[in-house]
């Protein structure tokens, strides 16, 4: 069992930045590929970014490429999502998730085993 707790959400102006953190506890963090998802009001949850167990490989959905950066610190059991050049359309609840069966990043939402409770990000224009 892995417990995930997100933090760092809040209100930002368009063009601003936020850094989300997801702290993991319960099992060896480096055994999990990690992902960041988001769900805007009235929309389905979507993958934003994912990172391999080692942190050496990562994935970004097209809408955030060049603006967001995912990273992890296996010594601190934490994965981060740095969000720059924020846009109002980035407004959503952001979730981190952990997946135990793959070394590489995972893009399929249904494969993830554990989820955090989410943190709200609101970007004003």
Protein backbone atom coordinates (compact mmCIF):
# COMPACT_ATOMS: atom_id res chain seq x y z
CA UNK A 1 0.00 0.00 0.00
CA UNK A 2 1.26 3.47 -0.91
CA UNK A 3 -0.16 6.67 0.44
CA UNK A 4 0.15 9.77 -1.73
CA UNK A 5 -0.39 13.33 -0.56
CA UNK A 6 -0.33 16.25 -2.98
CA UNK A 7 0.45 19.84 -2.03
CA UNK A 8 1.34 23.11 -3.68
CA UNK A 9 -1.88 23.90 -5.45
CA UNK A 10 -3.58 27.25 -5.21
CA UNK A 11 -4.45 30.35 -7.15
CA UNK A 12 -2.11 31.73 -9.79
CA UNK A 13 -2.37 34.38 -12.45
CA UNK A 14 -2.01 33.53 -16.10
CA UNK A 15 1.66 33.43 -16.96
CA UNK A 16 2.60 32.54 -13.41
CA UNK A 17 4.06 29.41 -11.90
CA UNK A 18 3.24 26.79 -9.31
CA UNK A 19 5.10 23.73 -8.12
CA UNK A 20 3.11 20.72 -7.04
CA UNK A 21 4.58 18.09 -4.76
CA UNK A 22 3.42 14.56 -4.09
CA UNK A 23 4.83 12.86 -1.02
CA UNK A 24 4.68 9.08 -0.88
CA UNK A 25 4.79 6.80 2.10
CA UNK A 26 4.30 3.14 2.84
CA UNK A 27 6.51 1.36 0.31
CA UNK A 28 9.80 1.89 -1.52
CA UNK A 29 9.13 4.95 -3.64
CA UNK A 30 11.71 4.06 -6.30
CA UNK A 31 9.69 0.93 -7.13
CA UNK A 32 6.92 3.05 -8.61
CA UNK A 33 6.49 4.87 -11.85
CA UNK A 34 4.62 8.10 -11.14
CA UNK A 35 2.15 10.25 -12.97
CA UNK A 36 0.37 13.57 -12.65
CA UNK A 37 -3.22 13.76 -13.82
CA UNK A 38 -5.77 16.54 -13.80
CA UNK A 39 -9.52 16.82 -13.94
CA UNK A 40 -11.23 20.04 -14.88
CA UNK A 41 -14.82 20.67 -13.89
CA UNK A 42 -17.16 18.72 -16.12
CA UNK A 43 -14.33 16.93 -17.90
CA UNK A 44 -12.69 13.54 -17.67
CA UNK A 45 -9.45 13.07 -15.82
CA UNK A 46 -6.44 13.24 -18.14
CA UNK A 47 -2.76 12.44 -17.93
CA UNK A 48 -0.56 15.52 -17.71
CA UNK A 49 2.88 14.02 -17.22
CA UNK A 50 4.54 10.79 -16.17
CA UNK A 51 7.99 9.75 -15.06
CA UNK A 52 9.90 6.49 -14.90
CA UNK A 53 11.07 4.87 -11.69
CA UNK A 54 14.56 6.27 -12.01
CA UNK A 55 13.43 9.65 -13.26
CA UNK A 56 15.40 9.24 -16.44
CA UNK A 57 12.42 9.21 -18.78
CA UNK A 58 9.34 11.37 -18.81
CA UNK A 59 6.24 12.07 -20.83
CA UNK A 60 4.12 15.20 -21.30
CA UNK A 61 0.78 15.69 -22.91
CA UNK A 62 1.00 18.09 -25.83
CA UNK A 63 -0.82 20.94 -24.13
CA UNK A 64 1.84 21.28 -21.41
CA UNK A 65 5.03 20.53 -23.35
CA UNK A 66 7.58 23.26 -22.85
CA UNK A 67 5.68 24.69 -19.86
CA UNK A 68 5.59 21.89 -17.26
CA UNK A 69 8.43 19.81 -15.87
CA UNK A 70 8.12 16.61 -13.89
CA UNK A 71 10.86 15.40 -11.58
CA UNK A 72 11.32 13.07 -8.66
CA UNK A 73 13.58 12.74 -5.67
CA UNK A 74 13.65 9.10 -4.65
CA UNK A 75 15.59 9.97 -1.53
CA UNK A 76 12.75 12.22 -0.40
CA UNK A 77 9.95 9.96 -1.70
CA UNK A 78 8.53 12.88 -3.63
CA UNK A 79 7.52 13.66 -7.18
CA UNK A 80 7.15 17.23 -8.39
CA UNK A 81 5.36 19.04 -11.16
CA UNK A 82 6.71 22.48 -11.95
CA UNK A 83 4.12 24.43 -13.89
CA UNK A 84 5.24 27.55 -15.73
CA UNK A 85 3.43 29.91 -18.09
CA UNK A 86 0.14 28.85 -16.59
CA UNK A 87 -3.03 29.32 -18.58
CA UNK A 88 -6.65 29.49 -17.43
CA UNK A 89 -7.22 26.16 -19.16
CA UNK A 90 -4.77 24.57 -16.72
CA UNK A 91 -7.36 25.06 -14.00
CA UNK A 92 -8.21 21.65 -12.57
CA UNK A 93 -7.77 19.33 -9.64
CA UNK A 94 -4.35 17.73 -9.98
CA UNK A 95 -3.73 14.18 -8.81
CA UNK A 96 -0.57 12.16 -8.48
CA UNK A 97 -0.62 8.42 -8.98
CA UNK A 98 1.76 5.48 -8.56
CA UNK A 99 2.19 2.35 -10.68
CA UNK A 100 4.15 -0.70 -9.58
CA UNK A 101 4.62 -2.94 -12.63
CA UNK A 102 6.69 -0.87 -15.03
CA UNK A 103 10.13 0.69 -14.94
CA UNK A 104 9.30 3.19 -17.66
CA UNK A 105 6.68 5.91 -17.46
CA UNK A 106 3.08 4.80 -17.84
CA UNK A 107 0.51 6.68 -19.86
CA UNK A 108 -2.52 4.45 -19.37
CA UNK A 109 -4.60 5.78 -16.53
CA UNK A 110 -6.26 2.49 -15.66
CA UNK A 111 -2.90 0.86 -14.89
CA UNK A 112 -2.11 3.10 -11.94
CA UNK A 113 -2.53 1.45 -8.58
CA UNK A 114 -2.59 4.29 -6.07
CA UNK A 115 -3.94 7.82 -6.16
CA UNK A 116 -3.68 10.93 -4.04
CA UNK A 117 -6.64 13.01 -2.97
CA UNK A 118 -5.87 15.85 -5.37
CA UNK A 119 -4.96 19.50 -5.08
CA UNK A 120 -6.83 22.37 -6.72
CA UNK A 121 -5.04 24.62 -9.19
CA UNK A 122 -6.89 27.72 -10.33
CA UNK A 123 -5.43 30.05 -12.94
CA UNK A 124 -7.02 33.44 -13.37
CA UNK A 125 -6.85 35.43 -16.58
